[in-house]
Protein backbone atom coordinates (compact mmCIF):
# COMPACT_ATOMS: atom_id res chain seq x y z
CA MET A 1 0.00 0.00 0.00
CA SER A 2 1.42 3.41 -0.98
CA ILE A 3 1.93 6.23 1.46
CA LEU A 4 -0.86 8.24 -0.19
CA SER A 5 -3.41 5.40 -0.13
CA ALA A 6 -2.52 4.47 3.46
CA SER A 7 -2.90 8.02 4.65
CA THR A 8 -6.24 8.60 2.90
CA SER A 9 -7.74 5.16 3.47
CA VAL A 10 -10.24 6.60 5.97
CA ALA A 11 -11.86 8.83 3.30
CA LYS A 12 -15.01 7.38 1.69
CA ASN A 13 -14.85 8.68 -1.90
CA GLU A 14 -12.45 10.33 -4.34
CA GLU A 15 -13.57 13.86 -3.48
CA GLU A 16 -13.05 13.23 0.24
CA LYS A 17 -9.68 11.59 -0.45
CA SER A 18 -8.57 14.61 -2.46
CA ALA A 19 -9.69 17.02 0.28
CA LEU A 20 -7.92 15.00 2.98
CA GLN A 21 -4.76 14.64 0.88
CA ALA A 22 -4.62 18.40 0.29
CA TRP A 23 -5.04 18.92 4.04
CA TYR A 24 -2.02 16.65 4.61
CA TRP A 25 0.01 18.59 2.05
CA TYR A 26 -0.36 21.80 4.06
CA ASP A 27 1.37 20.05 6.98
CA TRP A 28 4.06 18.94 4.52
CA ALA A 29 4.38 22.54 3.33
CA ASN A 30 4.59 24.62 6.49
CA GLN A 31 7.08 22.30 8.16
CA ALA A 32 9.73 23.93 5.99
CA PHE A 33 9.24 26.88 8.33
CA ALA A 34 8.74 24.82 11.48
CA LEU A 35 11.84 22.66 10.93
CA THR A 36 14.41 24.50 8.82
CA VAL A 37 13.60 28.04 9.98
CA LEU A 38 12.06 27.87 13.44
CA THR A 39 13.87 24.81 14.81
CA VAL A 40 17.24 24.57 13.03
CA VAL A 41 18.51 27.79 11.47
CA VAL A 42 17.04 30.79 13.28
CA PRO A 43 17.63 29.68 16.91
CA ALA A 44 21.33 28.93 16.37
CA LEU A 45 21.81 31.89 14.01
CA THR A 46 20.09 34.35 16.35
CA ALA A 47 21.99 33.02 19.36
CA SER A 48 25.29 33.19 17.47
CA MET A 49 24.64 36.73 16.19
CA TYR A 50 23.59 37.84 19.68
CA ASN A 51 26.61 36.21 21.34
CA THR A 52 28.95 37.83 18.84
CA ALA A 53 27.34 41.26 19.16
CA THR A 54 27.29 41.26 22.96
CA GLY A 55 30.33 39.14 23.79
CA THR A 56 28.25 36.83 25.99
CA GLN A 57 27.01 33.23 25.90
CA THR A 58 23.35 34.09 26.66
CA GLY A 59 22.00 33.94 23.11
CA ASP A 60 19.70 31.06 24.03
CA SER A 61 17.85 33.16 26.62
CA PHE A 62 17.50 36.08 24.16
CA TYR A 63 16.07 33.74 21.53
CA ALA A 64 13.67 32.25 24.08
CA LEU A 65 12.31 35.72 24.87
CA VAL A 66 11.87 36.51 21.15
CA LEU A 67 10.10 33.20 20.58
CA GLY A 68 7.76 33.94 23.49
CA VAL A 69 6.86 37.41 22.23
CA SER A 70 6.14 36.02 18.74
CA SER A 71 3.44 33.76 20.20
CA LEU A 72 1.63 36.46 22.17
CA PHE A 73 -0.31 37.89 19.22
CA VAL A 74 -1.65 34.48 18.16
CA ALA A 75 -2.63 33.65 21.75
CA VAL A 76 -4.73 36.82 21.97
CA VAL A 77 -6.52 36.74 18.60
CA SER A 78 -6.99 32.99 18.01
CA PRO A 79 -10.21 32.51 20.05
CA VAL A 80 -11.88 35.55 18.45
CA LEU A 81 -10.92 34.59 14.90
CA GLY A 82 -12.01 31.03 15.65
CA ALA A 83 -15.42 32.20 16.87
CA ILE A 84 -15.87 34.30 13.72
CA ALA A 85 -14.84 31.37 11.52
CA ASP A 86 -17.54 29.27 13.18
CA ARG A 87 -20.19 31.85 12.27
CA ILE A 88 -18.99 32.83 8.77
CA GLU A 89 -17.55 30.43 6.19
CA ILE A 90 -14.14 32.14 5.94
CA LYS A 91 -11.69 29.61 7.36
CA LYS A 92 -9.76 29.39 4.07
CA LYS A 93 -9.53 33.19 3.77
CA ILE A 94 -8.11 33.52 7.28
CA LEU A 95 -5.64 30.68 6.66
CA TRP A 96 -4.58 32.28 3.36
CA ALA A 97 -3.88 35.62 5.08
CA TYR A 98 -1.76 33.95 7.75
CA THR A 99 0.10 31.93 5.11
CA ILE A 100 1.01 34.98 3.01
CA VAL A 101 2.29 36.86 6.08
CA GLY A 102 4.41 33.87 7.10
CA VAL A 103 5.80 33.33 3.60
CA ILE A 104 6.80 36.97 3.08
CA PHE A 105 8.62 37.38 6.38
CA THR A 106 10.32 34.00 6.07
CA ALA A 107 11.82 35.14 2.77
CA MET A 108 12.82 38.49 4.31
CA MET A 109 14.93 36.68 6.93
CA GLY A 110 17.40 36.08 4.10
CA LEU A 111 18.50 39.71 4.40
CA ALA A 112 19.74 39.33 8.00
CA PRO A 113 23.15 37.70 7.23
CA PHE A 114 24.06 40.69 5.04
CA LEU A 115 23.43 43.29 7.76
CA GLY A 116 25.99 44.66 10.21
CA GLU A 117 26.77 43.32 13.67
CA GLY A 118 24.03 44.28 16.11
CA THR A 119 21.53 45.08 13.36
CA ASP A 120 21.51 41.51 12.03
CA TYR A 121 20.07 39.73 15.05
CA MET A 122 17.49 42.47 15.71
CA PHE A 123 16.21 42.33 12.11
CA LEU A 124 16.10 38.54 12.27
CA ALA A 125 14.18 38.71 15.55
CA VAL A 126 11.54 41.05 14.07
CA CYS A 127 11.07 38.82 11.02
CA LEU A 128 10.81 35.80 13.30
CA VAL A 129 8.08 37.42 15.39
CA ILE A 130 5.93 38.24 12.35
CA GLY A 131 6.76 35.04 10.44
CA ASN A 132 5.84 32.92 13.44
CA ILE A 133 2.53 34.75 13.71
CA GLY A 134 1.77 33.57 10.17
CA PHE A 135 2.83 30.01 10.94
CA ALA A 136 1.25 29.59 14.37
CA GLY A 137 -1.91 31.54 13.60
CA GLY A 138 -2.39 29.58 10.40
CA ASN A 139 -2.01 26.30 12.26
CA VAL A 140 -4.90 27.21 14.56
CA ILE A 141 -7.25 27.51 11.57
CA TYR A 142 -5.64 24.56 9.77
CA TYR A 143 -6.34 22.31 12.76
CA ALA A 144 -9.97 23.45 12.72
CA PHE A 145 -10.40 21.79 9.30
CA MET A 146 -9.70 18.38 10.83
CA PRO A 147 -13.21 17.56 12.14
CA TYR A 148 -14.51 18.17 8.60
CA VAL A 149 -11.99 15.95 6.75
CA THR A 150 -12.35 12.89 8.98
CA SER A 151 -14.69 11.20 11.42
CA LYS A 152 -14.05 11.15 15.17
CA GLU A 153 -13.28 7.43 15.15
CA ASP A 154 -10.48 8.03 12.65
CA THR A 155 -8.89 11.03 14.36
CA ASP A 156 -5.90 9.07 15.73
CA HIS A 157 -5.11 7.81 12.22
CA VAL A 158 -5.56 11.14 10.46
CA SER A 159 -3.81 13.23 13.12
CA SER A 160 -0.81 10.87 13.12
CA TRP A 161 -0.56 10.86 9.34
CA GLY A 162 -0.82 14.64 9.26
CA TYR A 163 2.16 14.89 11.60
CA ALA A 164 4.02 12.23 9.60
CA TYR A 165 3.49 14.24 6.39
CA GLY A 166 4.86 17.28 8.19
CA PHE A 167 7.98 15.45 9.28
CA MET A 168 8.49 14.05 5.77
CA GLY A 169 8.06 17.44 4.11
CA GLY A 170 10.25 19.25 6.61
CA SER A 171 12.96 16.58 6.38
CA THR A 172 12.96 16.60 2.57
CA ILE A 173 13.68 20.31 2.24
CA LEU A 174 16.09 20.20 5.21
CA ILE A 175 18.17 17.52 3.43
CA VAL A 176 18.55 19.91 0.48
CA HIS A 177 19.53 22.77 2.79
CA LEU A 178 21.98 20.60 4.72
CA GLY A 179 23.57 19.37 1.51
CA LEU A 180 24.14 22.94 0.33
CA GLY A 181 25.54 23.99 3.69
CA LEU A 182 27.97 21.07 3.88
CA THR A 183 29.08 21.61 0.28
CA PHE A 184 29.45 25.39 0.18
CA GLY A 185 29.37 26.37 3.85
CA PHE A 186 26.64 28.34 5.60
CA THR A 187 27.59 31.60 3.93
CA PRO A 188 25.23 34.59 3.79
CA ASN A 189 24.24 33.61 0.23
CA ILE A 190 23.45 30.04 1.25
CA LEU A 191 21.47 31.21 4.29
CA ALA A 192 19.49 33.62 2.09
CA PHE A 193 18.75 30.75 -0.31
CA ILE A 194 17.60 28.59 2.60
CA PHE A 195 15.12 31.21 3.82
CA VAL A 196 13.71 31.98 0.36
CA THR A 197 13.28 28.33 -0.63
CA SER A 198 11.63 27.57 2.73
CA ALA A 199 9.09 30.30 1.97
CA LEU A 200 8.45 29.02 -1.56
CA TRP A 201 8.11 25.44 -0.32
CA TRP A 202 5.46 26.56 2.18
CA LEU A 203 3.52 28.51 -0.44
CA GLY A 204 3.81 25.98 -3.27
CA TRP A 205 2.84 22.79 -1.47
CA GLY A 206 0.38 24.51 0.84
CA TYR A 207 -1.60 26.00 -2.06
CA GLN A 208 -3.19 22.59 -2.71
CA LEU A 209 -5.34 22.96 0.39
CA PHE A 210 -6.84 26.15 -1.00
CA LEU A 211 -7.57 24.40 -4.31
CA LYS A 212 -8.90 21.02 -3.17
CA THR A 213 -10.09 21.16 0.45
CA PRO A 214 -13.56 22.71 0.56
CA GLU A 215 -14.61 25.42 2.97
CA PRO A 216 -16.29 23.63 5.91
CA LYS A 217 -20.07 24.02 5.86
CA LEU A 218 -21.75 25.52 8.92
CA PRO A 219 -25.27 24.69 10.14
CA ASP A 220 -26.32 28.34 10.48
CA PRO A 221 -23.84 30.76 8.83
CA LYS A 222 -24.32 34.45 9.58
CA GLU A 223 -23.86 37.64 7.61
CA TYR A 224 -22.41 40.89 8.97
CA ASP A 225 -22.55 44.46 7.76
CA SER A 226 -18.93 45.15 8.67
CA ALA A 227 -15.74 43.55 9.91
CA PHE A 228 -16.19 45.39 13.21
CA ALA A 229 -19.59 43.77 13.70
CA ALA A 230 -18.08 40.33 13.03
CA ILE A 231 -15.26 40.94 15.50
CA LYS A 232 -17.69 42.23 18.13
CA ASP A 233 -19.91 39.17 17.71
CA GLY A 234 -16.85 36.89 17.76
CA MET A 235 -15.67 38.40 21.03
CA GLY A 236 -19.14 37.99 22.48
CA GLU A 237 -19.17 34.33 21.47
CA VAL A 238 -15.79 33.77 23.11
CA ILE A 239 -17.05 35.33 26.37
CA HIS A 240 -20.19 33.20 26.16
CA SER A 241 -18.10 30.05 25.62
CA PHE A 242 -15.91 30.86 28.60
CA ARG A 243 -19.04 31.22 30.74
CA GLU A 244 -20.37 27.89 29.49
CA ILE A 245 -17.08 26.05 29.79
CA LYS A 246 -18.47 24.08 32.72
CA LYS A 247 -20.44 22.07 30.14
CA TYR A 248 -17.11 20.81 28.85
CA LYS A 249 -15.52 19.64 32.08
CA SER A 250 -13.20 17.06 30.51
CA LEU A 251 -12.20 19.41 27.70
CA SER A 252 -11.44 22.16 30.23
CA VAL A 253 -9.18 19.89 32.27
CA PHE A 254 -7.46 18.75 29.08
CA LEU A 255 -6.80 22.32 27.94
CA VAL A 256 -5.16 23.22 31.25
CA SER A 257 -3.13 20.02 31.07
CA TYR A 258 -2.19 20.87 27.47
CA LEU A 259 -1.12 24.36 28.54
CA LEU A 260 1.36 22.81 30.94
CA PHE A 261 2.79 19.88 29.01
CA PHE A 262 2.84 21.68 25.65
CA ASP A 263 4.57 24.57 27.40
CA GLY A 264 7.41 22.18 28.21
CA VAL A 265 7.46 20.23 24.95
CA ASN A 266 7.28 23.40 22.83
CA THR A 267 10.04 25.10 24.82
CA ILE A 268 12.38 22.11 24.53
CA GLY A 269 11.89 22.03 20.77
CA GLY A 270 12.07 25.80 20.39
CA VAL A 271 15.28 26.47 22.31
CA ALA A 272 17.17 23.21 21.64
CA SER A 273 19.24 24.62 18.80
CA ALA A 274 20.05 27.82 20.70
CA TYR A 275 20.91 25.75 23.80
CA GLY A 276 23.30 23.67 21.72
CA GLU A 277 24.97 26.81 20.37
CA SER A 278 25.30 28.72 23.64
CA VAL A 279 25.69 26.01 26.31
CA LEU A 280 27.37 23.17 24.43
CA ARG A 281 29.02 25.11 21.58
CA LEU A 282 27.83 22.76 18.86
CA SER A 283 28.53 23.46 15.22
CA GLN A 284 25.71 24.67 12.98
CA THR A 285 26.21 21.56 10.85
CA MET A 286 25.70 19.31 13.88
CA ASN A 287 22.49 21.13 14.73
CA PHE A 288 21.27 20.53 11.16
CA VAL A 289 22.20 16.84 11.24
CA LEU A 290 20.65 16.25 14.63
CA LEU A 291 17.34 17.94 13.95
CA LEU A 292 17.10 16.24 10.57
CA MET A 293 17.64 12.91 12.32
CA VAL A 294 14.95 13.80 14.89
CA ASN A 295 12.38 14.33 12.16
CA ILE A 296 13.36 11.24 10.18
CA VAL A 297 13.00 9.10 13.32
CA ALA A 298 9.67 10.83 14.02
CA ILE A 299 8.10 9.79 10.68
CA PRO A 300 7.62 6.06 11.38
CA MET A 301 7.32 6.57 15.15
CA THR A 302 4.40 8.97 14.72
CA ILE A 303 2.54 6.44 12.59
CA LEU A 304 3.32 3.70 15.12
CA GLY A 305 2.12 6.06 17.86
CA GLY A 306 -1.21 6.40 16.04
CA ARG A 307 -1.54 2.63 15.79
CA ALA A 308 -0.64 2.25 19.47
CA ALA A 309 -3.31 4.82 20.34
CA ARG A 310 -5.92 2.79 18.47
CA ARG A 311 -4.93 -0.33 20.37
CA PHE A 312 -4.14 0.96 23.85
CA GLY A 313 -6.02 4.25 23.92
CA THR A 314 -5.11 7.84 23.04
CA LYS A 315 -4.60 9.06 26.60
CA PRO A 316 -2.27 6.23 27.79
CA VAL A 317 -0.05 6.61 24.72
CA LEU A 318 0.13 10.40 25.13
CA THR A 319 0.98 10.03 28.83
CA ALA A 320 3.80 7.57 28.10
CA ALA A 321 5.25 9.87 25.43
CA LEU A 322 5.28 12.78 27.89
CA GLY A 323 7.18 10.60 30.36
CA VAL A 324 9.95 10.21 27.79
CA TYR A 325 10.11 14.00 27.44
CA CYS A 326 10.72 14.28 31.19
CA VAL A 327 13.69 11.92 30.86
CA VAL A 328 14.95 14.02 27.95
CA ALA A 329 14.86 17.18 30.09
CA ILE A 330 16.74 15.48 32.94
CA LEU A 331 19.46 14.32 30.55
CA ALA A 332 19.64 17.72 28.83
CA VAL A 333 20.37 19.41 32.17
CA GLY A 334 23.32 17.03 32.53
CA PHE A 335 24.77 17.45 29.03
CA ALA A 336 28.29 18.84 29.20
CA PRO A 337 31.23 19.20 26.81
CA LEU A 338 34.14 16.95 27.71
CA GLU A 339 37.16 18.80 29.02
CA LEU A 340 39.40 20.04 26.22
CA GLU A 341 42.74 18.78 27.57
CA ASP A 342 44.90 17.91 24.54
CA ASP A 343 42.03 17.77 22.00
CA HIS A 344 43.57 20.48 19.82
CA GLY A 345 40.78 20.44 17.23
CA ARG A 346 38.13 21.47 19.76
CA TYR A 347 39.81 24.73 20.82
CA ASP A 348 38.40 28.00 19.53
CA PHE A 349 41.71 29.41 18.31
CA GLN A 350 44.11 26.74 17.05
CA TYR A 351 47.73 27.54 16.15
CA ASP A 352 49.53 24.88 14.10
CA TRP A 353 53.27 24.97 13.43
CA SER A 354 54.13 25.26 9.74
CA GLU A 355 57.64 24.21 8.75
CA SER A 356 57.33 25.87 5.34
CA ASN A 357 56.26 29.21 6.82
CA GLU A 358 58.37 28.85 9.98
CA ALA A 359 55.40 30.28 11.83
CA TYR A 360 52.21 29.32 13.62
CA MET A 361 49.13 29.36 11.38
CA LEU A 362 45.71 30.21 12.86
CA SER A 363 42.53 28.24 12.29
CA THR A 364 39.25 28.73 14.19
CA LEU A 365 36.70 26.26 15.51
CA TYR A 366 34.17 25.28 12.81
CA ASP A 367 36.07 27.66 10.47
CA ARG A 368 33.94 30.51 11.74
CA GLY A 369 36.74 33.06 11.75
CA VAL A 370 37.67 35.56 14.43
CA ASP A 371 34.86 37.95 13.45
CA SER A 372 32.20 35.31 14.00
CA TRP A 373 33.52 34.44 17.45
CA VAL A 374 34.57 37.72 19.05
CA SER A 375 32.29 40.71 19.51
CA ASP A 376 33.50 44.01 18.03
CA SER A 377 32.06 46.08 20.87
CA GLY A 378 30.07 43.89 23.30
CA ASP A 379 30.97 44.37 26.95
CA GLY A 380 31.23 40.62 27.52
CA ASP A 381 34.32 40.37 25.31
CA ALA A 382 35.96 43.64 26.41
CA ALA A 383 38.68 42.02 28.54
CA PHE A 384 39.43 39.48 25.83
CA ARG A 385 39.73 42.16 23.14
CA ASP A 386 42.09 44.24 25.25
CA ALA A 387 44.32 41.27 26.00
CA PHE A 388 44.36 39.30 22.75
CA MET A 389 42.89 41.04 19.69
CA ALA A 390 46.29 42.42 18.74
CA TYR A 391 47.31 38.79 18.04
CA LEU A 392 44.11 37.91 16.16
CA GLN A 393 43.39 40.95 13.97
CA ASP A 394 45.39 43.85 12.57
CA ASP A 395 44.44 47.52 12.85
CA ASP A 396 42.12 47.20 9.84
CA GLY A 397 40.19 44.30 11.40
CA ILE A 398 41.77 41.70 9.11
CA GLU A 399 42.39 38.29 10.65
CA ILE A 400 46.08 37.61 11.39
CA GLU A 401 46.57 34.10 10.01
CA ARG A 402 50.32 33.85 10.66
CA LEU A 403 52.23 34.47 13.91
CA THR A 404 56.00 34.50 14.08
CA VAL A 405 57.62 32.32 16.71
CA GLU A 406 58.39 35.42 18.75
CA ARG A 407 54.79 36.74 18.67
CA ALA A 408 53.38 33.28 19.30
CA SER A 409 55.68 32.87 22.33
CA ILE A 410 54.44 36.16 23.80
CA LEU A 411 50.82 35.07 23.31
CA ALA A 412 51.48 31.62 24.82
CA SER A 413 53.16 33.10 27.88
CA SER A 414 50.40 35.67 28.52
CA MET A 415 47.25 33.75 27.63
CA ASN A 416 46.87 32.40 31.19
CA ASP A 417 47.13 35.89 32.71
CA GLU A 418 43.66 36.93 31.48
CA LEU A 419 40.98 34.25 31.89
CA ASP A 420 37.83 36.35 32.23
CA HIS A 421 36.50 35.33 28.82
CA ARG A 422 34.63 32.56 26.94
CA PHE A 423 37.33 31.33 24.53
CA SER A 424 40.25 28.90 24.34
CA PHE A 425 43.72 28.80 22.71
CA SER A 426 45.86 25.83 21.73
CA PHE A 427 49.28 25.39 20.09
CA LYS A 428 50.33 22.26 18.22
CA GLY A 429 53.80 21.47 16.93
CA GLY A 430 57.03 23.42 17.19
CA ASP A 431 58.49 24.74 20.43
CA LEU A 432 55.05 25.64 21.84
CA ASP A 433 53.48 22.22 21.31
CA GLY A 434 50.88 21.44 23.99
CA LYS A 435 50.53 25.01 25.28
CA ASN A 436 46.86 25.90 25.79
CA SER A 437 44.50 28.10 27.76
CA VAL A 438 40.78 27.97 28.55
CA GLY A 439 38.75 30.99 29.69
CA ASP A 440 36.73 30.85 32.87
CA ARG A 441 33.48 31.34 30.93
CA HIS A 442 34.20 28.70 28.30
CA PRO A 443 31.36 26.09 28.03
CA THR A 444 33.68 23.30 29.23
CA ASN A 445 34.02 25.15 32.56
CA ILE A 446 30.60 24.30 33.96
CA GLY A 447 31.05 26.54 36.99
CA ASP A 448 29.45 26.34 40.42
CA GLY A 449 25.94 27.56 39.65
CA GLU A 450 22.68 25.87 40.63
CA LEU A 451 22.45 22.26 39.41
CA SER A 452 26.06 22.35 38.16
CA TRP A 453 26.71 19.22 40.24
CA TRP A 454 24.53 17.20 37.85
CA PRO A 455 26.43 17.81 34.58
CA LYS A 456 29.71 17.47 36.48
CA ALA A 457 28.60 14.11 37.89
CA LEU A 458 27.40 12.87 34.50
CA ARG A 459 30.56 14.04 32.75
CA GLU A 460 32.81 12.35 35.30
CA ASN A 461 30.84 9.12 35.67
CA LEU A 462 29.11 8.66 32.32
CA TRP A 463 30.10 10.88 29.41
CA GLU A 464 33.89 10.71 29.83
CA PRO A 465 34.09 6.94 30.57
CA LEU A 466 31.94 6.29 27.48
CA GLY A 467 33.76 8.87 25.37
CA PHE A 468 30.42 10.61 24.80
CA GLY A 469 31.19 14.13 23.60
CA VAL A 470 28.51 16.75 23.03
CA ASN A 471 27.80 15.45 19.53
CA SER A 472 27.03 11.97 20.86
CA GLN A 473 24.99 13.43 23.72
CA TRP A 474 23.05 15.51 21.21
CA ILE A 475 22.34 12.45 19.05
CA LEU A 476 21.05 10.59 22.12
CA LEU A 477 18.72 13.50 22.85
CA GLY A 478 17.56 13.66 19.25
CA THR A 479 16.77 9.97 19.07
CA MET A 480 14.66 10.10 22.23
CA VAL A 481 12.79 13.22 21.11
CA GLY A 482 12.21 11.78 17.64
CA ILE A 483 10.60 8.68 19.10
CA VAL A 484 7.87 10.62 20.92
CA MET A 485 7.72 14.10 19.38
CA GLY A 486 5.08 13.33 16.75
CA THR A 487 3.08 11.13 19.09
CA VAL A 488 2.69 13.94 21.63
CA GLY A 489 1.50 16.44 19.02
CA ALA A 490 -0.71 14.03 17.08
CA GLN A 491 -2.43 12.43 20.06
CA ALA A 492 -2.96 15.79 21.82
CA ARG A 493 -4.62 17.08 18.65
CA SER A 494 -6.60 13.85 18.38
CA MET A 495 -7.94 14.18 21.95
CA MET A 496 -8.90 17.77 21.19
CA VAL A 497 -10.90 16.70 18.12
CA MET A 498 -12.65 13.91 20.03
CA MET A 499 -13.93 16.33 22.68
CA THR A 500 -14.72 19.23 20.32
CA PRO A 501 -18.21 19.77 18.85
CA LYS A 502 -17.86 19.96 15.06
CA THR A 503 -20.15 23.01 15.03
CA LYS A 504 -17.66 24.85 17.26
CA ALA A 505 -14.48 23.51 15.65
CA ALA A 506 -12.76 26.78 14.73
CA GLU A 507 -13.75 28.49 17.97
CA PHE A 508 -12.63 25.61 20.14
CA PHE A 509 -9.47 25.19 18.11
CA GLY A 510 -9.06 28.90 18.64
CA PHE A 511 -8.99 28.08 22.36
CA PHE A 512 -6.64 25.22 21.55
CA GLY A 513 -4.46 27.67 19.66
CA PHE A 514 -4.76 30.19 22.47
CA ILE A 515 -3.61 27.58 24.99
CA GLY A 516 -0.84 26.42 22.67
CA LYS A 517 0.38 29.93 21.97
CA ALA A 518 0.03 30.94 25.62
CA ALA A 519 2.27 27.96 26.32
CA ALA A 520 4.55 29.01 23.49
CA PHE A 521 4.67 32.48 25.05
CA ILE A 522 4.91 31.54 28.71
CA GLY A 523 7.41 28.68 28.36
CA PRO A 524 10.14 30.56 26.49
CA ILE A 525 9.64 33.63 28.69
CA ILE A 526 10.09 31.48 31.81
CA TYR A 527 13.12 29.85 30.19
CA GLY A 528 14.67 33.20 29.28
CA LEU A 529 14.11 34.76 32.70
CA THR A 530 15.29 31.67 34.59
CA ALA A 531 18.38 31.39 32.40
CA ASN A 532 19.25 35.03 33.12
CA VAL A 533 18.60 34.83 36.86
CA TYR A 534 20.21 31.41 37.36
CA ASN A 535 21.56 29.58 34.28
CA SER A 536 20.39 27.66 31.22
CA ARG A 537 20.50 24.32 33.02
CA VAL A 538 18.10 25.50 35.70
CA ALA A 539 15.84 26.80 32.91
CA VAL A 540 15.69 23.33 31.32
CA PHE A 541 14.98 21.77 34.73
CA THR A 542 11.95 24.04 35.22
CA ILE A 543 10.61 22.77 31.89
CA MET A 544 10.69 19.20 33.20
CA ILE A 545 8.64 20.23 36.26
CA VAL A 546 6.04 21.84 34.00
CA ILE A 547 5.75 18.71 31.80
CA LEU A 548 5.30 16.55 34.91
CA ALA A 549 2.52 18.80 36.18
CA GLY A 550 0.72 18.68 32.83
CA THR A 551 1.06 14.90 32.66
CA ALA A 552 -0.39 14.50 36.15
CA LEU A 553 -3.40 16.63 35.18
CA LEU A 554 -3.86 14.69 31.94
CA THR A 555 -4.56 11.53 33.93
CA LEU A 556 -7.70 13.23 35.32
CA VAL A 557 -9.25 13.78 31.86
CA ASP A 558 -12.36 11.63 31.22
CA LEU A 559 -12.12 11.20 27.45
CA GLU A 560 -15.39 9.28 27.07
CA GLU A 561 -17.34 11.95 28.94
CA GLY A 562 -15.77 14.60 26.71
CA LYS A 563 -16.82 12.72 23.55
CA ALA A 564 -20.41 12.36 24.78
CA VAL A 565 -20.76 16.07 25.54
CA ALA A 566 -19.39 17.06 22.11
CA ALA A 567 -21.80 14.71 20.34
CA SER A 568 -24.74 16.13 22.29
CA VAL A 569 -23.85 19.74 21.39
CA ASP A 570 -23.53 18.86 17.68
CA SER A 571 -26.85 17.02 17.70
CA ASN A 572 -28.66 19.99 19.24
CA ALA A 573 -27.03 22.48 16.85
CA TRP A 574 -28.11 20.64 13.69
CA LYS A 575 -31.58 19.95 15.16
CA SER A 576 -32.04 23.69 15.73
CA SER A 577 -30.86 24.41 12.18
CA ASP A 578 -33.37 21.93 10.71
CA GLU A 579 -36.21 23.50 12.70
CA ILE A 580 -35.35 26.89 11.26
């Protein structure tokens, strides 16, 4: 059986199959943004640009704050737009508007690598805020199509396949982007190409939904004289639904549970790349490879998760998947780079003796160059610039690739005098062979902050004995996340559909979007503030606590009661429509 026929096997005729298939393709389409842009490129790029501009290693907390702000708009407007879309047949128009906004600002991100230091990360942050509004807001309406393209008994199947299509689409375009980056390097031109093609992928594949998936029919559509009247009525309907929420006891408990566990899951996914850049000092290539692997693993595991949900129940499978996320968070707190020691290739500034030049030749970690590592004016790198920039760049800001033995000897003898910085030096070959220095704020120096005992204990007793460097630790994390990532999203969406009256789909998915975006706002904000007050490891630990709380509340949800209430509301709505 082909992928297409397996995924649409629940549809009853060719027209329904075509509508469902087009709905799947939108998930395939917008994952170019969700994976390449939002998960892989922008977090690490923003964190790197911020670190370079400020001379700090706090880019992950800055990115978390930006990600939180970008979700605030969607959280506020989703319930109102959803209520309007349940009273007027305009779901496709709203989704189209969100899509165009997302596509335009995704393409505009390609300008950021060409801007100057300090301006680049701010421009990228603004484009991210608006682009994510298009993506996240569109998803709220996109999800609201689901009750109309499948029956409630098939929601596990359809939701899982929708997520699987997303992982396949996102992985396909990411493979292309990774291939270009590995071949030509992640230069400004390549990064611009990545952003533009991600936007075109989203628009091109996603357009099929607008062609083939019909506008959902409402039992009693309304007409309004003005947009203001529609918005006013939508707000009134939202207030009315909040007042009547007691009718939907199980759904209410689920939404609060979802707020908590999705807060954690979303934050882990959103800041992982920035965490790897700032805390573990991973290469951009490794971030690409890892997150590609996560999504490839997620494709079959999401489908298997859907089958498991059919056999064992949606709620038990979702609960088990969330338990794995808690383990992931505990391990992530304990991830730590192995000590540098004599691993010359892992130092930031590497000087190799050249017999032909009779000098030490400079190379930088990941070939990023001095400019990409050291801030031109950030206060965090001030002491480092004063002590060492004369050895790294000339008066015109050009990288000094060759040091005479005399200059190299002066650097080697003085590099341990100033350690208030985040970098490392190493010499290999010649008279200075084995000389090295590591700054006090280098990622391998874990420090004595809160929870620092945990990564130190794991490094001493687990990572070092196994030879597990940060790349191997990252792969372990990615494998575990890939196994459950799609299952959490698909089964949470499936439970929402089961307990949602079809006649209130967009409104209730507006609440679902509100909860999701509130989580997407609150989680990163908590992460960013905690990371600034304490450290990034404490911030990850708080995420685990939130996931645990959401999981505990999920166990109280009565799914069967929620289904019965939804069916009763739908029956009454259509009965009233027939009487009219």
